[in-house]
Amino acid sequence: MEIYSTKIRGTGIGMASGISRIGGIIMPYIGINFLSLGAYFPYLLFGISALIAGVVCIFIPYDTTNRELDLIEDKDSIDKSNLN
């Protein structure tokens, strides 16, 4: 069962990929700078941020509950054609 349409999934994967690249660039510098505060501090910081992200993901609602994805995509295309 699909939860999100192809358009929404593609946008989400693109955003996640871009943000992960930025995180991959920034995190080594943050880890090195926080290492001066203690040997376990960077691990604690990364663990807490992952825990917060996990809790936030639990509360994200399904926006397509009890609706057919084909009808949602058709409605989006109709709405855009009315704007032109």
Foldseek 3Di string as FASTA:
>chain_A
DDLADPVVVVVVVVVVVVVVVVCVVPLVVVLVVCVVVDVCVSVVVVVVVVVVVVVVVVPDDRPQPPHDNVVVVVVVVVVVVVVD
